[in-house]
Amino acid sequence: MHTPSKIILGIDPGTLVMGYGIIAVSPQKIKLLEMSILKLNSRKDNYERLQLIHQKVSELIKAHKPSSFAIEAPFFGKNVQSMLKLGRAQGVAIAAAINAGLEVFEYSPKKIKQSITGNGNAGKEQVWQMLQRILSIQHNTDIKYLDASDALAVAVCHHFQDNTLLKTAGKKLKGWEDFIAKNPDRIIAKRQS
């Protein structure tokens, strides 16, 4: 019996460059479906750029029919105007997902890096190198905009966080005794010499 793939759309919001990455997850592997950016003209009106973000996210949802929508939560910076613009871009992308009936998941940049590389302070290049390994992308593949790989990292992070084994282990267990009690079939008896 063939198990259908779960499709995840990841978004790295931005007011001038929005990255997006789409993966298909099956029990055997994670496959890259599409990864790119929406480059927005800085001379366009802010509201016009927001409309283009909404339109692009809606088009991606219609084309790929994702089961999950994950987005990078904005980090808090010192420039209030930049934060406001970034928050609007994120909100418009989220609105497109909600409008399509998708549940929205947000992840901090640190959580995404931790999930992909094991280091919450990893650089963008490190994240891209690890994604190449995880998704079997050719290692000599150069990437022009790291916003695209950041968005791909959001999607892969969501897959890792959405793993049912991780959910069970992380939320419902109260230590090793509880794990052993709830998973007796996973215990291997020690051999006597």
C-alpha atoms as a PDB file:
ATOM      1  CA  MET A   1       0.000   0.000   0.000  1.00  0.00           C
ATOM      2  CA  HIS A   2       1.384   3.398  -0.995  1.00  0.00           C
ATOM      3  CA  THR A   3       1.408   6.043   1.740  1.00  0.00           C
ATOM      4  CA  PRO A   4       0.686   9.501   0.329  1.00  0.00           C
ATOM      5  CA  SER A   5       3.276  12.221   0.832  1.00  0.00           C
ATOM      6  CA  LYS A   6       2.822  15.035   3.279  1.00  0.00           C
ATOM      7  CA  ILE A   7       3.616  18.361   1.617  1.00  0.00           C
ATOM      8  CA  ILE A   8       5.017  21.246   3.674  1.00  0.00           C
ATOM      9  CA  LEU A   9       5.336  24.856   2.501  1.00  0.00           C
ATOM     10  CA  GLY A  10       7.992  26.858   4.333  1.00  0.00           C
ATOM     11  CA  ILE A  11       8.219  30.654   4.127  1.00  0.00           C
ATOM     12  CA  ASP A  12      11.017  33.052   5.051  1.00  0.00           C
ATOM     13  CA  PRO A  13       9.107  36.350   5.071  1.00  0.00           C
ATOM     14  CA  GLY A  14      10.601  39.561   3.784  1.00  0.00           C
ATOM     15  CA  THR A  15       9.491  42.865   2.342  1.00  0.00           C
ATOM     16  CA  LEU A  16      12.028  42.845  -0.509  1.00  0.00           C
ATOM     17  CA  VAL A  17      12.866  39.135  -0.789  1.00  0.00           C
ATOM     18  CA  MET A  18      10.542  36.370   0.392  1.00  0.00           C
ATOM     19  CA  GLY A  19      11.958  32.866   0.321  1.00  0.00           C
ATOM     20  CA  TYR A  20       9.854  29.747  -0.101  1.00  0.00           C
ATOM     21  CA  GLY A  21      10.607  26.060   0.039  1.00  0.00           C
ATOM     22  CA  ILE A  22       8.276  23.123  -0.548  1.00  0.00           C
ATOM     23  CA  ILE A  23       9.029  19.533   0.453  1.00  0.00           C
ATOM     24  CA  ALA A  24       7.194  16.226   0.128  1.00  0.00           C
ATOM     25  CA  VAL A  25       7.633  13.823   3.022  1.00  0.00           C
ATOM     26  CA  SER A  26       7.040  10.109   2.653  1.00  0.00           C
ATOM     27  CA  PRO A  27       7.994   7.362   5.119  1.00  0.00           C
ATOM     28  CA  GLN A  28      11.135   6.699   3.057  1.00  0.00           C
ATOM     29  CA  LYS A  29      12.496  10.212   2.448  1.00  0.00           C
ATOM     30  CA  ILE A  30      12.142  13.970   2.254  1.00  0.00           C
ATOM     31  CA  LYS A  31      12.075  15.323  -1.299  1.00  0.00           C
ATOM     32  CA  LEU A  32      12.568  18.900  -2.471  1.00  0.00           C
ATOM     33  CA  LEU A  33       9.680  19.980  -4.715  1.00  0.00           C
ATOM     34  CA  GLU A  34      10.487  23.653  -5.207  1.00  0.00           C
ATOM     35  CA  MET A  35      12.702  26.305  -3.670  1.00  0.00           C
ATOM     36  CA  SER A  36      12.994  29.918  -4.797  1.00  0.00           C
ATOM     37  CA  ILE A  37      12.307  33.523  -3.916  1.00  0.00           C
ATOM     38  CA  LEU A  38       9.870  36.262  -4.694  1.00  0.00           C
ATOM     39  CA  LYS A  39      11.969  39.369  -5.346  1.00  0.00           C
ATOM     40  CA  LEU A  40      10.000  42.541  -4.756  1.00  0.00           C
ATOM     41  CA  ASN A  41      10.812  45.904  -6.291  1.00  0.00           C
ATOM     42  CA  SER A  42      11.814  48.424  -3.617  1.00  0.00           C
ATOM     43  CA  ARG A  43      10.284  51.215  -5.717  1.00  0.00           C
ATOM     44  CA  LYS A  44       6.827  49.658  -5.438  1.00  0.00           C
ATOM     45  CA  ASP A  45       4.407  50.864  -2.801  1.00  0.00           C
ATOM     46  CA  ASN A  46       4.509  48.832   0.455  1.00  0.00           C
ATOM     47  CA  TYR A  47       0.880  47.767   0.030  1.00  0.00           C
ATOM     48  CA  GLU A  48       1.513  46.644  -3.531  1.00  0.00           C
ATOM     49  CA  ARG A  49       4.389  44.453  -2.269  1.00  0.00           C
ATOM     50  CA  LEU A  50       2.111  42.971   0.405  1.00  0.00           C
ATOM     51  CA  GLN A  51      -0.445  42.141  -2.281  1.00  0.00           C
ATOM     52  CA  LEU A  52       2.264  40.365  -4.319  1.00  0.00           C
ATOM     53  CA  ILE A  53       3.321  38.335  -1.265  1.00  0.00           C
ATOM     54  CA  HIS A  54      -0.285  37.257  -0.649  1.00  0.00           C
ATOM     55  CA  GLN A  55      -0.724  36.418  -4.329  1.00  0.00           C
ATOM     56  CA  LYS A  56       2.490  34.336  -4.499  1.00  0.00           C
ATOM     57  CA  VAL A  57       1.725  32.363  -1.326  1.00  0.00           C
ATOM     58  CA  SER A  58      -1.815  31.702  -2.606  1.00  0.00           C
ATOM     59  CA  GLU A  59      -0.409  30.496  -5.959  1.00  0.00           C
ATOM     60  CA  LEU A  60       2.057  28.153  -4.210  1.00  0.00           C
ATOM     61  CA  ILE A  61      -0.738  26.702  -2.076  1.00  0.00           C
ATOM     62  CA  LYS A  62      -2.955  26.189  -5.103  1.00  0.00           C
ATOM     63  CA  ALA A  63      -0.154  24.564  -7.132  1.00  0.00           C
ATOM     64  CA  HIS A  64       1.277  22.241  -4.462  1.00  0.00           C
ATOM     65  CA  LYS A  65      -1.690  21.700  -2.096  1.00  0.00           C
ATOM     66  CA  PRO A  66       0.430  21.572   1.082  1.00  0.00           C
ATOM     67  CA  SER A  67      -0.901  19.906   4.209  1.00  0.00           C
ATOM     68  CA  SER A  68       1.171  22.215   6.445  1.00  0.00           C
ATOM     69  CA  PHE A  69       2.327  25.827   6.368  1.00  0.00           C
ATOM     70  CA  ALA A  70       5.405  26.832   8.372  1.00  0.00           C
ATOM     71  CA  ILE A  71       6.878  30.312   8.625  1.00  0.00           C
ATOM     72  CA  GLU A  72       9.885  31.857  10.286  1.00  0.00           C
ATOM     73  CA  ALA A  73       8.880  34.136  13.152  1.00  0.00           C
ATOM     74  CA  PRO A  74      10.553  37.536  12.926  1.00  0.00           C
ATOM     75  CA  PHE A  75      13.375  38.162  15.360  1.00  0.00           C
ATOM     76  CA  PHE A  76      13.249  41.347  17.376  1.00  0.00           C
ATOM     77  CA  GLY A  77      15.601  43.996  16.075  1.00  0.00           C
ATOM     78  CA  LYS A  78      16.330  47.557  17.036  1.00  0.00           C
ATOM     79  CA  ASN A  79      14.755  49.168  13.963  1.00  0.00           C
ATOM     80  CA  VAL A  80      11.048  49.478  14.737  1.00  0.00           C
ATOM     81  CA  GLN A  81      10.089  50.413  11.146  1.00  0.00           C
ATOM     82  CA  SER A  82      11.844  47.329   9.745  1.00  0.00           C
ATOM     83  CA  MET A  83      10.112  45.127  12.308  1.00  0.00           C
ATOM     84  CA  LEU A  84       6.731  46.606  11.430  1.00  0.00           C
ATOM     85  CA  LYS A  85       7.267  45.978   7.702  1.00  0.00           C
ATOM     86  CA  LEU A  86       8.501  42.434   8.310  1.00  0.00           C
ATOM     87  CA  GLY A  87       5.542  41.732  10.596  1.00  0.00           C
ATOM     88  CA  ARG A  88       3.156  42.883   7.885  1.00  0.00           C
ATOM     89  CA  ALA A  89       4.839  40.637   5.296  1.00  0.00           C
ATOM     90  CA  GLN A  90       4.577  37.704   7.686  1.00  0.00           C
ATOM     91  CA  GLY A  91       0.937  38.519   8.454  1.00  0.00           C
ATOM     92  CA  VAL A  92      -0.026  38.645   4.782  1.00  0.00           C
ATOM     93  CA  ALA A  93       1.625  35.254   4.126  1.00  0.00           C
ATOM     94  CA  ILE A  94      -0.152  33.788   7.172  1.00  0.00           C
ATOM     95  CA  ALA A  95      -3.473  35.261   6.000  1.00  0.00           C
ATOM     96  CA  ALA A  96      -3.068  33.521   2.625  1.00  0.00           C
ATOM     97  CA  ALA A  97      -2.439  30.195   4.411  1.00  0.00           C
ATOM     98  CA  ILE A  98      -5.386  30.614   6.784  1.00  0.00           C
ATOM     99  CA  ASN A  99      -7.605  31.643   3.882  1.00  0.00           C
ATOM    100  CA  ALA A 100      -6.692  28.324   2.210  1.00  0.00           C
ATOM    101  CA  GLY A 101      -7.645  26.419   5.356  1.00  0.00           C
ATOM    102  CA  LEU A 102      -4.089  25.557   6.443  1.00  0.00           C
ATOM    103  CA  GLU A 103      -2.903  25.380  10.030  1.00  0.00           C
ATOM    104  CA  VAL A 104       0.017  27.766  10.593  1.00  0.00           C
ATOM    105  CA  PHE A 105       3.206  26.884  12.472  1.00  0.00           C
ATOM    106  CA  GLU A 106       5.806  29.482  13.464  1.00  0.00           C
ATOM    107  CA  TYR A 107       9.428  28.792  14.350  1.00  0.00           C
ATOM    108  CA  SER A 108      12.104  31.151  15.634  1.00  0.00           C
ATOM    109  CA  PRO A 109      15.321  31.455  13.616  1.00  0.00           C
ATOM    110  CA  LYS A 110      17.223  29.827  16.493  1.00  0.00           C
ATOM    111  CA  LYS A 111      14.801  26.858  16.618  1.00  0.00           C
ATOM    112  CA  ILE A 112      15.119  26.347  12.853  1.00  0.00           C
ATOM    113  CA  LYS A 113      18.931  26.367  12.948  1.00  0.00           C
ATOM    114  CA  GLN A 114      18.937  24.044  15.976  1.00  0.00           C
ATOM    115  CA  SER A 115      16.573  21.646  14.230  1.00  0.00           C
ATOM    116  CA  ILE A 116      18.622  21.494  11.015  1.00  0.00           C
ATOM    117  CA  THR A 117      22.220  21.670  12.265  1.00  0.00           C
ATOM    118  CA  GLY A 118      22.041  20.936  15.988  1.00  0.00           C
ATOM    119  CA  ASN A 119      23.374  24.457  16.638  1.00  0.00           C
ATOM    120  CA  GLY A 120      20.984  27.369  17.195  1.00  0.00           C
ATOM    121  CA  ASN A 121      23.742  29.823  16.282  1.00  0.00           C
ATOM    122  CA  ALA A 122      24.729  28.185  12.982  1.00  0.00           C
ATOM    123  CA  GLY A 123      25.371  30.405   9.976  1.00  0.00           C
ATOM    124  CA  LYS A 124      23.160  30.421   6.873  1.00  0.00           C
ATOM    125  CA  GLU A 125      25.856  28.591   4.881  1.00  0.00           C
ATOM    126  CA  GLN A 126      26.010  25.802   7.498  1.00  0.00           C
ATOM    127  CA  VAL A 127      22.233  25.428   7.338  1.00  0.00           C
ATOM    128  CA  TRP A 128      22.366  25.205   3.527  1.00  0.00           C
ATOM    129  CA  GLN A 129      25.133  22.558   3.650  1.00  0.00           C
ATOM    130  CA  MET A 130      23.114  20.437   6.078  1.00  0.00           C
ATOM    131  CA  LEU A 131      19.968  20.793   3.947  1.00  0.00           C
ATOM    132  CA  GLN A 132      21.966  19.550   0.962  1.00  0.00           C
ATOM    133  CA  ARG A 133      22.798  16.401   2.938  1.00  0.00           C
ATOM    134  CA  ILE A 134      19.293  15.878   4.326  1.00  0.00           C
ATOM    135  CA  LEU A 135      17.602  16.320   0.937  1.00  0.00           C
ATOM    136  CA  SER A 136      20.347  14.772  -1.218  1.00  0.00           C
ATOM    137  CA  ILE A 137      20.871  18.015  -3.137  1.00  0.00           C
ATOM    138  CA  GLN A 138      24.116  18.068  -5.101  1.00  0.00           C
ATOM    139  CA  HIS A 139      26.779  19.667  -2.938  1.00  0.00           C
ATOM    140  CA  ASN A 140      28.144  21.837  -5.727  1.00  0.00           C
ATOM    141  CA  THR A 141      24.754  23.541  -6.097  1.00  0.00           C
ATOM    142  CA  ASP A 142      25.291  27.244  -5.493  1.00  0.00           C
ATOM    143  CA  ILE A 143      22.449  29.280  -4.139  1.00  0.00           C
ATOM    144  CA  LYS A 144      22.031  32.918  -5.125  1.00  0.00           C
ATOM    145  CA  TYR A 145      19.625  33.885  -2.339  1.00  0.00           C
ATOM    146  CA  LEU A 146      19.922  32.295   1.088  1.00  0.00           C
ATOM    147  CA  ASP A 147      16.312  33.401   1.713  1.00  0.00           C
ATOM    148  CA  ALA A 148      15.283  30.371  -0.382  1.00  0.00           C
ATOM    149  CA  SER A 149      17.362  27.938   1.685  1.00  0.00           C
ATOM    150  CA  ASP A 150      16.099  29.618   4.880  1.00  0.00           C
ATOM    151  CA  ALA A 151      12.530  28.907   3.771  1.00  0.00           C
ATOM    152  CA  LEU A 152      13.463  25.323   2.937  1.00  0.00           C
ATOM    153  CA  ALA A 153      14.946  25.036   6.437  1.00  0.00           C
ATOM    154  CA  VAL A 154      11.607  26.209   7.890  1.00  0.00           C
ATOM    155  CA  ALA A 155       9.780  23.410   6.036  1.00  0.00           C
ATOM    156  CA  VAL A 156      12.291  20.739   7.093  1.00  0.00           C
ATOM    157  CA  CYS A 157      12.242  22.054  10.680  1.00  0.00           C
ATOM    158  CA  HIS A 158       8.464  21.695  10.714  1.00  0.00           C
ATOM    159  CA  HIS A 159       8.747  18.116   9.488  1.00  0.00           C
ATOM    160  CA  PHE A 160      11.201  17.320  12.280  1.00  0.00           C
ATOM    161  CA  GLN A 161       8.974  19.013  14.883  1.00  0.00           C
ATOM    162  CA  ASP A 162       5.850  17.338  13.530  1.00  0.00           C
ATOM    163  CA  ASN A 163       7.368  13.839  13.801  1.00  0.00           C
ATOM    164  CA  THR A 164       4.908  11.825  15.911  1.00  0.00           C
ATOM    165  CA  LEU A 165       7.658   9.925  17.738  1.00  0.00           C
ATOM    166  CA  LEU A 166       9.198  13.225  18.789  1.00  0.00           C
ATOM    167  CA  LYS A 167       5.811  14.539  19.891  1.00  0.00           C
ATOM    168  CA  THR A 168       5.213  11.483  22.072  1.00  0.00           C
ATOM    169  CA  ALA A 169       8.692  11.552  23.530  1.00  0.00           C
ATOM    170  CA  GLY A 170       8.694  15.295  24.118  1.00  0.00           C
ATOM    171  CA  LYS A 171       5.255  15.968  25.514  1.00  0.00           C
ATOM    172  CA  LYS A 172       3.759  12.912  27.140  1.00  0.00           C
ATOM    173  CA  LEU A 173       6.652  11.130  28.828  1.00  0.00           C
ATOM    174  CA  LYS A 174       7.903  11.925  32.311  1.00  0.00           C
ATOM    175  CA  GLY A 175      11.314  10.235  32.202  1.00  0.00           C
ATOM    176  CA  TRP A 176      12.908   6.903  31.347  1.00  0.00           C
ATOM    177  CA  GLU A 177      10.593   4.894  33.625  1.00  0.00           C
ATOM    178  CA  ASP A 178       7.567   6.364  31.865  1.00  0.00           C
ATOM    179  CA  PHE A 179       9.143   5.680  28.427  1.00  0.00           C
ATOM    180  CA  ILE A 180       9.854   2.038  29.364  1.00  0.00           C
ATOM    181  CA  ALA A 181       6.342   1.592  30.734  1.00  0.00           C
ATOM    182  CA  LYS A 182       4.767   3.014  27.547  1.00  0.00           C
ATOM    183  CA  ASN A 183       7.160   1.262  25.108  1.00  0.00           C
ATOM    184  CA  PRO A 184       7.845  -2.273  26.400  1.00  0.00           C
ATOM    185  CA  ASP A 185       8.307  -3.543  22.811  1.00  0.00           C
ATOM    186  CA  ARG A 186      11.313  -1.248  22.331  1.00  0.00           C
ATOM    187  CA  ILE A 187      13.302  -2.681  25.242  1.00  0.00           C
ATOM    188  CA  ILE A 188      16.105  -5.110  24.437  1.00  0.00           C
ATOM    189  CA  ALA A 189      16.976  -7.459  27.238  1.00  0.00           C
ATOM    190  CA  LYS A 190      20.610  -7.538  28.299  1.00  0.00           C
ATOM    191  CA  ARG A 191      22.290 -10.861  27.536  1.00  0.00           C
ATOM    192  CA  GLN A 192      23.726 -12.870  30.389  1.00  0.00           C
ATOM    193  CA  SER A 193      27.372 -13.923  29.919  1.00  0.00           C
END
